[in-house]
PDB file of N, CA and C in Angstrom:
ATOM      1  N   UNK A   1       0.807  -1.197  -0.042  1.00  0.00           N
ATOM      2  CA  UNK A   1       0.027   0.023   0.003  1.00  0.00           C
ATOM      3  C   UNK A   1       0.914   1.183  -0.031  1.00  0.00           C
ATOM      4  N   UNK A   2       0.776   2.161  -0.975  1.00  0.00           N
ATOM      5  CA  UNK A   2       1.532   3.318  -1.186  1.00  0.00           C
ATOM      6  C   UNK A   2       1.438   4.278   0.120  1.00  0.00           C
ATOM      7  N   UNK A   3       0.238   4.362   0.579  1.00  0.00           N
ATOM      8  CA  UNK A   3      -0.079   5.260   1.745  1.00  0.00           C
ATOM      9  C   UNK A   3       0.851   4.909   2.962  1.00  0.00           C
ATOM     10  N   UNK A   4       0.899   3.590   3.194  1.00  0.00           N
ATOM     11  CA  UNK A   4       1.740   3.146   4.294  1.00  0.00           C
ATOM     12  C   UNK A   4       3.148   3.447   4.068  1.00  0.00           C
ATOM     13  N   UNK A   5       3.675   3.274   2.925  1.00  0.00           N
ATOM     14  CA  UNK A   5       5.052   3.504   2.536  1.00  0.00           C
ATOM     15  C   UNK A   5       5.350   5.082   2.762  1.00  0.00           C
ATOM     16  N   UNK A   6       4.360   5.840   2.230  1.00  0.00           N
ATOM     17  CA  UNK A   6       4.634   7.328   2.274  1.00  0.00           C
ATOM     18  C   UNK A   6       4.643   7.797   3.627  1.00  0.00           C
ATOM     19  N   UNK A   7       3.993   7.196   4.644  1.00  0.00           N
ATOM     20  CA  UNK A   7       3.945   7.618   6.058  1.00  0.00           C
ATOM     21  C   UNK A   7       4.999   6.977   6.789  1.00  0.00           C
ATOM     22  N   UNK A   8       5.770   6.042   6.201  1.00  0.00           N
ATOM     23  CA  UNK A   8       6.790   5.404   6.903  1.00  0.00           C
ATOM     24  C   UNK A   8       7.995   6.391   7.219  1.00  0.00           C
ATOM     25  N   UNK A   9       8.575   6.288   8.448  1.00  0.00           N
ATOM     26  CA  UNK A   9       9.580   7.146   8.763  1.00  0.00           C
ATOM     27  C   UNK A   9      10.921   6.554   8.978  1.00  0.00           C
ATOM     28  N   UNK A  10      11.924   7.082   8.478  1.00  0.00           N
ATOM     29  CA  UNK A  10      13.329   6.662   8.620  1.00  0.00           C
ATOM     30  C   UNK A  10      14.304   7.817   8.392  1.00  0.00           C
ATOM     31  N   UNK A  11      15.501   7.513   8.692  1.00  0.00           N
ATOM     32  CA  UNK A  11      16.587   8.474   8.355  1.00  0.00           C
ATOM     33  C   UNK A  11      16.984   8.196   6.955  1.00  0.00           C
ATOM     34  N   UNK A  12      17.618   9.243   6.271  1.00  0.00           N
ATOM     35  CA  UNK A  12      18.050   9.095   4.848  1.00  0.00           C
ATOM     36  C   UNK A  12      19.462   9.555   4.737  1.00  0.00           C
ATOM     37  N   UNK A  13      20.160   8.871   3.833  1.00  0.00           N
ATOM     38  CA  UNK A  13      21.530   9.241   3.427  1.00  0.00           C
ATOM     39  C   UNK A  13      21.396   9.830   1.951  1.00  0.00           C
ATOM     40  N   UNK A  14      21.810  10.995   1.710  1.00  0.00           N
ATOM     41  CA  UNK A  14      21.737  11.670   0.296  1.00  0.00           C
ATOM     42  C   UNK A  14      23.064  12.129   0.025  1.00  0.00           C
ATOM     43  N   UNK A  15      23.423  11.741  -1.355  1.00  0.00           N
ATOM     44  CA  UNK A  15      24.676  12.210  -1.773  1.00  0.00           C
ATOM     45  C   UNK A  15      24.266  12.933  -3.064  1.00  0.00           C
ATOM     46  N   UNK A  16      24.895  14.194  -3.157  1.00  0.00           N
ATOM     47  CA  UNK A  16      24.564  14.867  -4.353  1.00  0.00           C
ATOM     48  C   UNK A  16      25.757  15.721  -4.859  1.00  0.00           C
ATOM     49  N   UNK A  17      25.828  16.171  -6.133  1.00  0.00           N
ATOM     50  CA  UNK A  17      26.904  17.000  -6.590  1.00  0.00           C
ATOM     51  C   UNK A  17      26.275  18.301  -6.812  1.00  0.00           C
ATOM     52  N   UNK A  18      26.922  19.395  -6.234  1.00  0.00           N
ATOM     53  CA  UNK A  18      26.330  20.679  -6.404  1.00  0.00           C
ATOM     54  C   UNK A  18      27.424  21.675  -6.931  1.00  0.00           C
ATOM     55  N   UNK A  19      26.941  22.866  -7.477  1.00  0.00           N
ATOM     56  CA  UNK A  19      27.781  23.863  -7.900  1.00  0.00           C
ATOM     57  C   UNK A  19      28.517  24.419  -6.613  1.00  0.00           C
ATOM     58  N   UNK A  20      29.838  24.628  -6.824  1.00  0.00           N
ATOM     59  CA  UNK A  20      30.602  25.126  -5.643  1.00  0.00           C
ATOM     60  C   UNK A  20      30.488  26.711  -5.601  1.00  0.00           C
ATOM     61  N   UNK A  21      29.538  27.247  -5.020  1.00  0.00           N
ATOM     62  CA  UNK A  21      29.410  28.665  -4.986  1.00  0.00           C
ATOM     63  C   UNK A  21      28.669  28.979  -3.655  1.00  0.00           C
ATOM     64  N   UNK A  22      28.725  30.270  -3.167  1.00  0.00           N
ATOM     65  CA  UNK A  22      27.998  30.624  -1.924  1.00  0.00           C
ATOM     66  C   UNK A  22      26.502  30.628  -2.061  1.00  0.00           C
ATOM     67  N   UNK A  23      25.863  30.100  -1.014  1.00  0.00           N
ATOM     68  CA  UNK A  23      24.339  30.037  -0.952  1.00  0.00           C
ATOM     69  C   UNK A  23      23.740  28.727  -1.325  1.00  0.00           C
ATOM     70  N   UNK A  24      24.484  27.844  -1.900  1.00  0.00           N
ATOM     71  CA  UNK A  24      24.029  26.531  -2.310  1.00  0.00           C
ATOM     72  C   UNK A  24      23.513  25.715  -1.038  1.00  0.00           C
ATOM     73  N   UNK A  25      24.230  25.681  -0.113  1.00  0.00           N
ATOM     74  CA  UNK A  25      23.826  24.967   1.067  1.00  0.00           C
ATOM     75  C   UNK A  25      22.501  25.454   1.691  1.00  0.00           C
ATOM     76  N   UNK A  26      22.393  26.882   1.679  1.00  0.00           N
ATOM     77  CA  UNK A  26      21.233  27.419   2.209  1.00  0.00           C
ATOM     78  C   UNK A  26      20.011  27.118   1.325  1.00  0.00           C
ATOM     79  N   UNK A  27      20.168  27.027   0.018  1.00  0.00           N
ATOM     80  CA  UNK A  27      18.999  26.703  -0.813  1.00  0.00           C
ATOM     81  C   UNK A  27      18.629  25.208  -0.613  1.00  0.00           C
ATOM     82  N   UNK A  28      19.535  24.299  -0.414  1.00  0.00           N
ATOM     83  CA  UNK A  28      19.220  22.938  -0.236  1.00  0.00           C
ATOM     84  C   UNK A  28      18.612  22.676   1.144  1.00  0.00           C
ATOM     85  N   UNK A  29      19.042  23.387   2.265  1.00  0.00           N
ATOM     86  CA  UNK A  29      18.442  23.314   3.509  1.00  0.00           C
ATOM     87  C   UNK A  29      16.984  23.890   3.441  1.00  0.00           C
ATOM     88  N   UNK A  30      16.774  24.934   2.679  1.00  0.00           N
ATOM     89  CA  UNK A  30      15.404  25.423   2.474  1.00  0.00           C
ATOM     90  C   UNK A  30      14.567  24.416   1.844  1.00  0.00           C
ATOM     91  N   UNK A  31      15.025  23.554   0.862  1.00  0.00           N
ATOM     92  CA  UNK A  31      14.204  22.577   0.346  1.00  0.00           C
ATOM     93  C   UNK A  31      13.828  21.535   1.281  1.00  0.00           C
ATOM     94  N   UNK A  32      14.817  21.077   2.138  1.00  0.00           N
ATOM     95  CA  UNK A  32      14.469  20.133   3.136  1.00  0.00           C
ATOM     96  C   UNK A  32      13.526  20.675   4.174  1.00  0.00           C
ATOM     97  N   UNK A  33      13.814  21.955   4.671  1.00  0.00           N
ATOM     98  CA  UNK A  33      12.858  22.565   5.603  1.00  0.00           C
ATOM     99  C   UNK A  33      11.492  22.724   5.077  1.00  0.00           C
ATOM    100  N   UNK A  34      11.269  23.063   3.928  1.00  0.00           N
ATOM    101  CA  UNK A  34       9.949  23.169   3.207  1.00  0.00           C
ATOM    102  C   UNK A  34       9.189  21.942   3.388  1.00  0.00           C
ATOM    103  N   UNK A  35       9.884  20.762   3.303  1.00  0.00           N
ATOM    104  CA  UNK A  35       9.142  19.479   3.222  1.00  0.00           C
ATOM    105  C   UNK A  35       9.346  18.749   4.620  1.00  0.00           C
ATOM    106  N   UNK A  36       9.774  19.507   5.640  1.00  0.00           N
ATOM    107  CA  UNK A  36       9.822  19.035   7.002  1.00  0.00           C
ATOM    108  C   UNK A  36      10.823  17.884   7.215  1.00  0.00           C
ATOM    109  N   UNK A  37      12.010  17.887   6.453  1.00  0.00           N
ATOM    110  CA  UNK A  37      13.048  16.931   6.505  1.00  0.00           C
ATOM    111  C   UNK A  37      14.125  17.613   7.278  1.00  0.00           C
ATOM    112  N   UNK A  38      14.560  17.237   8.504  1.00  0.00           N
ATOM    113  CA  UNK A  38      15.556  17.744   9.262  1.00  0.00           C
ATOM    114  C   UNK A  38      16.918  17.168   9.043  1.00  0.00           C
ATOM    115  N   UNK A  39      17.843  18.036   8.838  1.00  0.00           N
ATOM    116  CA  UNK A  39      19.238  17.640   8.489  1.00  0.00           C
ATOM    117  C   UNK A  39      19.941  17.330   9.927  1.00  0.00           C
ATOM    118  N   UNK A  40      20.551  15.997   9.958  1.00  0.00           N
ATOM    119  CA  UNK A  40      21.270  15.655  11.113  1.00  0.00           C
ATOM    120  C   UNK A  40      22.803  15.899  10.863  1.00  0.00           C
ATOM    121  N   UNK A  41      23.299  15.784   9.738  1.00  0.00           N
ATOM    122  CA  UNK A  41      24.682  16.178   9.386  1.00  0.00           C
ATOM    123  C   UNK A  41      24.885  16.428   7.993  1.00  0.00           C
ATOM    124  N   UNK A  42      25.985  17.144   7.676  1.00  0.00           N
ATOM    125  CA  UNK A  42      26.382  17.485   6.298  1.00  0.00           C
ATOM    126  C   UNK A  42      27.885  17.387   6.242  1.00  0.00           C
ATOM    127  N   UNK A  43      28.279  16.651   5.102  1.00  0.00           N
ATOM    128  CA  UNK A  43      29.822  16.512   4.868  1.00  0.00           C
ATOM    129  C   UNK A  43      30.041  17.062   3.517  1.00  0.00           C
ATOM    130  N   UNK A  44      31.144  17.884   3.341  1.00  0.00           N
ATOM    131  CA  UNK A  44      31.560  18.318   2.095  1.00  0.00           C
ATOM    132  C   UNK A  44      33.051  18.006   2.005  1.00  0.00           C
ATOM    133  N   UNK A  45      33.345  17.116   0.962  1.00  0.00           N
ATOM    134  CA  UNK A  45      34.795  16.770   0.878  1.00  0.00           C
ATOM    135  C   UNK A  45      35.202  17.063  -0.612  1.00  0.00           C
ATOM    136  N   UNK A  46      36.405  17.566  -0.808  1.00  0.00           N
ATOM    137  CA  UNK A  46      37.074  17.861  -1.959  1.00  0.00           C
ATOM    138  C   UNK A  46      36.306  18.747  -2.893  1.00  0.00           C
ATOM    139  N   UNK A  47      36.746  18.800  -4.177  1.00  0.00           N
ATOM    140  CA  UNK A  47      36.179  19.794  -5.152  1.00  0.00           C
ATOM    141  C   UNK A  47      36.548  19.188  -6.439  1.00  0.00           C
ATOM    142  N   UNK A  48      35.727  19.249  -7.393  1.00  0.00           N
ATOM    143  CA  UNK A  48      36.031  18.804  -8.798  1.00  0.00           C
ATOM    144  C   UNK A  48      35.593  19.811  -9.719  1.00  0.00           C
ATOM    145  N   UNK A  49      36.547  20.636  -9.941  1.00  0.00           N
ATOM    146  CA  UNK A  49      36.271  21.834 -10.905  1.00  0.00           C
ATOM    147  C   UNK A  49      35.318  22.789 -10.229  1.00  0.00           C
ATOM    148  N   UNK A  50      34.184  23.066 -10.895  1.00  0.00           N
ATOM    149  CA  UNK A  50      33.212  24.007 -10.402  1.00  0.00           C
ATOM    150  C   UNK A  50      32.150  23.353  -9.543  1.00  0.00           C
ATOM    151  N   UNK A  51      32.272  21.982  -9.284  1.00  0.00           N
ATOM    152  CA  UNK A  51      31.240  21.280  -8.507  1.00  0.00           C
ATOM    153  C   UNK A  51      31.990  20.588  -7.289  1.00  0.00           C
ATOM    154  N   UNK A  52      31.144  20.247  -6.291  1.00  0.00           N
ATOM    155  CA  UNK A  52      31.673  19.545  -5.121  1.00  0.00           C
ATOM    156  C   UNK A  52      30.532  18.494  -4.675  1.00  0.00           C
ATOM    157  N   UNK A  53      30.977  17.433  -4.091  1.00  0.00           N
ATOM    158  CA  UNK A  53      30.006  16.425  -3.518  1.00  0.00           C
ATOM    159  C   UNK A  53      29.575  16.891  -2.127  1.00  0.00           C
ATOM    160  N   UNK A  54      28.335  16.796  -1.792  1.00  0.00           N
ATOM    161  CA  UNK A  54      27.792  16.999  -0.510  1.00  0.00           C
ATOM    162  C   UNK A  54      26.968  15.827  -0.053  1.00  0.00           C
ATOM    163  N   UNK A  55      27.164  15.508   1.199  1.00  0.00           N
ATOM    164  CA  UNK A  55      26.531  14.332   1.747  1.00  0.00           C
ATOM    165  C   UNK A  55      25.651  14.751   2.891  1.00  0.00           C
ATOM    166  N   UNK A  56      24.466  14.421   2.902  1.00  0.00           N
ATOM    167  CA  UNK A  56      23.516  14.732   4.025  1.00  0.00           C
ATOM    168  C   UNK A  56      23.035  13.338   4.699  1.00  0.00           C
ATOM    169  N   UNK A  57      22.802  13.506   6.008  1.00  0.00           N
ATOM    170  CA  UNK A  57      22.103  12.480   6.782  1.00  0.00           C
ATOM    171  C   UNK A  57      21.036  13.223   7.425  1.00  0.00           C
ATOM    172  N   UNK A  58      19.841  12.615   7.379  1.00  0.00           N
ATOM    173  CA  UNK A  58      18.665  13.412   7.936  1.00  0.00           C
ATOM    174  C   UNK A  58      18.289  12.708   9.297  1.00  0.00           C
ATOM    175  N   UNK A  59      17.586  13.356  10.044  1.00  0.00           N
ATOM    176  CA  UNK A  59      16.916  12.819  11.190  1.00  0.00           C
ATOM    177  C   UNK A  59      15.636  12.018  10.509  1.00  0.00           C
ATOM    178  N   UNK A  60      14.953  11.252  11.355  1.00  0.00           N
ATOM    179  CA  UNK A  60      13.821  10.590  10.817  1.00  0.00           C
ATOM    180  C   UNK A  60      12.822  11.477  10.128  1.00  0.00           C
ATOM    181  N   UNK A  61      12.364  11.118   8.955  1.00  0.00           N
ATOM    182  CA  UNK A  61      11.459  11.842   8.182  1.00  0.00           C
ATOM    183  C   UNK A  61      10.448  10.889   7.456  1.00  0.00           C
ATOM    184  N   UNK A  62       9.352  11.367   7.101  1.00  0.00           N
ATOM    185  CA  UNK A  62       8.417  10.602   6.187  1.00  0.00           C
ATOM    186  C   UNK A  62       8.973  10.351   4.890  1.00  0.00           C
ATOM    187  N   UNK A  63       8.685   9.201   4.351  1.00  0.00           N
ATOM    188  CA  UNK A  63       9.004   8.905   2.968  1.00  0.00           C
ATOM    189  C   UNK A  63       8.449   9.884   1.915  1.00  0.00           C
ATOM    190  N   UNK A  64       7.207  10.235   2.139  1.00  0.00           N
ATOM    191  CA  UNK A  64       6.492  11.153   1.145  1.00  0.00           C
ATOM    192  C   UNK A  64       7.256  12.482   1.272  1.00  0.00           C
ATOM    193  N   UNK A  65       7.647  13.033   2.437  1.00  0.00           N
ATOM    194  CA  UNK A  65       8.354  14.202   2.571  1.00  0.00           C
ATOM    195  C   UNK A  65       9.695  14.191   1.844  1.00  0.00           C
ATOM    196  N   UNK A  66      10.433  13.054   1.955  1.00  0.00           N
ATOM    197  CA  UNK A  66      11.707  13.018   1.191  1.00  0.00           C
ATOM    198  C   UNK A  66      11.485  12.863  -0.241  1.00  0.00           C
ATOM    199  N   UNK A  67      10.416  12.294  -0.724  1.00  0.00           N
ATOM    200  CA  UNK A  67      10.110  12.231  -2.173  1.00  0.00           C
ATOM    201  C   UNK A  67       9.846  13.618  -2.649  1.00  0.00           C
ATOM    202  N   UNK A  68       9.046  14.413  -1.981  1.00  0.00           N
ATOM    203  CA  UNK A  68       8.710  15.759  -2.359  1.00  0.00           C
ATOM    204  C   UNK A  68       9.994  16.624  -2.423  1.00  0.00           C
ATOM    205  N   UNK A  69      10.895  16.541  -1.406  1.00  0.00           N
ATOM    206  CA  UNK A  69      12.080  17.299  -1.444  1.00  0.00           C
ATOM    207  C   UNK A  69      12.986  16.894  -2.575  1.00  0.00           C
ATOM    208  N   UNK A  70      13.078  15.540  -2.946  1.00  0.00           N
ATOM    209  CA  UNK A  70      13.791  15.048  -4.155  1.00  0.00           C
ATOM    210  C   UNK A  70      13.319  15.702  -5.368  1.00  0.00           C
ATOM    211  N   UNK A  71      11.988  15.781  -5.468  1.00  0.00           N
ATOM    212  CA  UNK A  71      11.456  16.330  -6.597  1.00  0.00           C
ATOM    213  C   UNK A  71      11.794  17.795  -6.876  1.00  0.00           C
ATOM    214  N   UNK A  72      11.745  18.589  -5.722  1.00  0.00           N
ATOM    215  CA  UNK A  72      12.159  20.002  -5.690  1.00  0.00           C
ATOM    216  C   UNK A  72      13.627  20.148  -5.972  1.00  0.00           C
ATOM    217  N   UNK A  73      14.418  19.228  -5.565  1.00  0.00           N
ATOM    218  CA  UNK A  73      15.904  19.286  -5.855  1.00  0.00           C
ATOM    219  C   UNK A  73      16.158  19.123  -7.372  1.00  0.00           C
ATOM    220  N   UNK A  74      15.357  18.380  -8.048  1.00  0.00           N
ATOM    221  CA  UNK A  74      15.455  18.310  -9.611  1.00  0.00           C
ATOM    222  C   UNK A  74      15.360  19.582 -10.226  1.00  0.00           C
ATOM    223  N   UNK A  75      14.592  20.532  -9.637  1.00  0.00           N
ATOM    224  CA  UNK A  75      14.388  21.853 -10.225  1.00  0.00           C
ATOM    225  C   UNK A  75      15.381  22.967  -9.680  1.00  0.00           C
ATOM    226  N   UNK A  76      16.246  22.563  -8.830  1.00  0.00           N
ATOM    227  CA  UNK A  76      17.183  23.597  -8.271  1.00  0.00           C
ATOM    228  C   UNK A  76      18.380  23.686  -9.092  1.00  0.00           C
ATOM    229  N   UNK A  77      18.665  24.787  -9.860  1.00  0.00           N
ATOM    230  CA  UNK A  77      19.835  24.884 -10.683  1.00  0.00           C
ATOM    231  C   UNK A  77      21.156  24.692  -9.997  1.00  0.00           C
ATOM    232  N   UNK A  78      21.359  24.917  -8.683  1.00  0.00           N
ATOM    233  CA  UNK A  78      22.640  24.851  -8.123  1.00  0.00           C
ATOM    234  C   UNK A  78      22.940  23.385  -7.794  1.00  0.00           C
ATOM    235  N   UNK A  79      22.005  22.416  -8.020  1.00  0.00           N
ATOM    236  CA  UNK A  79      22.153  21.015  -7.815  1.00  0.00           C
ATOM    237  C   UNK A  79      22.551  20.445  -9.050  1.00  0.00           C
ATOM    238  N   UNK A  80      23.827  19.912  -9.265  1.00  0.00           N
ATOM    239  CA  UNK A  80      24.067  19.294 -10.667  1.00  0.00           C
ATOM    240  C   UNK A  80      23.365  18.015 -10.691  1.00  0.00           C
ATOM    241  N   UNK A  81      23.299  17.234  -9.685  1.00  0.00           N
ATOM    242  CA  UNK A  81      22.603  15.923  -9.732  1.00  0.00           C
ATOM    243  C   UNK A  81      22.497  15.361  -8.326  1.00  0.00           C
ATOM    244  N   UNK A  82      21.438  14.590  -8.075  1.00  0.00           N
ATOM    245  CA  UNK A  82      21.339  13.819  -6.800  1.00  0.00           C
ATOM    246  C   UNK A  82      21.786  12.423  -7.160  1.00  0.00           C
ATOM    247  N   UNK A  83      22.935  12.045  -6.544  1.00  0.00           N
ATOM    248  CA  UNK A  83      23.550  10.806  -6.891  1.00  0.00           C
ATOM    249  C   UNK A  83      22.907   9.542  -6.190  1.00  0.00           C
ATOM    250  N   UNK A  84      22.588   9.819  -4.935  1.00  0.00           N
ATOM    251  CA  UNK A  84      21.955   8.554  -4.132  1.00  0.00           C
ATOM    252  C   UNK A  84      20.896   9.138  -3.075  1.00  0.00           C
ATOM    253  N   UNK A  85      19.921   8.447  -2.953  1.00  0.00           N
ATOM    254  CA  UNK A  85      19.013   8.672  -1.721  1.00  0.00           C
ATOM    255  C   UNK A  85      18.913   7.254  -1.205  1.00  0.00           C
ATOM    256  N   UNK A  86      19.340   6.997   0.080  1.00  0.00           N
ATOM    257  CA  UNK A  86      19.317   5.680   0.639  1.00  0.00           C
ATOM    258  C   UNK A  86      18.604   5.806   1.966  1.00  0.00           C
ATOM    259  N   UNK A  87      17.668   4.890   2.230  1.00  0.00           N
ATOM    260  CA  UNK A  87      17.014   4.819   3.521  1.00  0.00           C
ATOM    261  C   UNK A  87      18.135   4.191   4.533  1.00  0.00           C
ATOM    262  N   UNK A  88      18.124   4.825   5.746  1.00  0.00           N
ATOM    263  CA  UNK A  88      19.027   4.350   6.779  1.00  0.00           C
ATOM    264  C   UNK A  88      18.083   3.788   7.840  1.00  0.00           C
ATOM    265  N   UNK A  89      18.216   2.413   8.105  1.00  0.00           N
ATOM    266  CA  UNK A  89      17.329   1.794   9.051  1.00  0.00           C
ATOM    267  C   UNK A  89      18.150   1.639  10.427  1.00  0.00           C
ATOM    268  N   UNK A  90      17.477   2.045  11.396  1.00  0.00           N
ATOM    269  CA  UNK A  90      18.277   1.972  12.717  1.00  0.00           C
ATOM    270  C   UNK A  90      17.564   1.081  13.635  1.00  0.00           C
TER     271      UNK A  90
END
């Protein structure tokens, strides 16, 4: 049942490649906040030209909230691509 899955809560691991410029992290945090997805941690390592990988781990969030945030991320020009979204079961 899709409704059960949409209401299921878990933590998420998200790896994305973003443009390396000021304000990008704030835009992404805004997307998460808009959909009630709370960020537990952020890691930025290295740089590859004009882009950089960002890794997020969230607090528990509803599956539907994460899906909606992921849809908004597709339309954010400062996000080059979302590489992975993985459920973290604890």
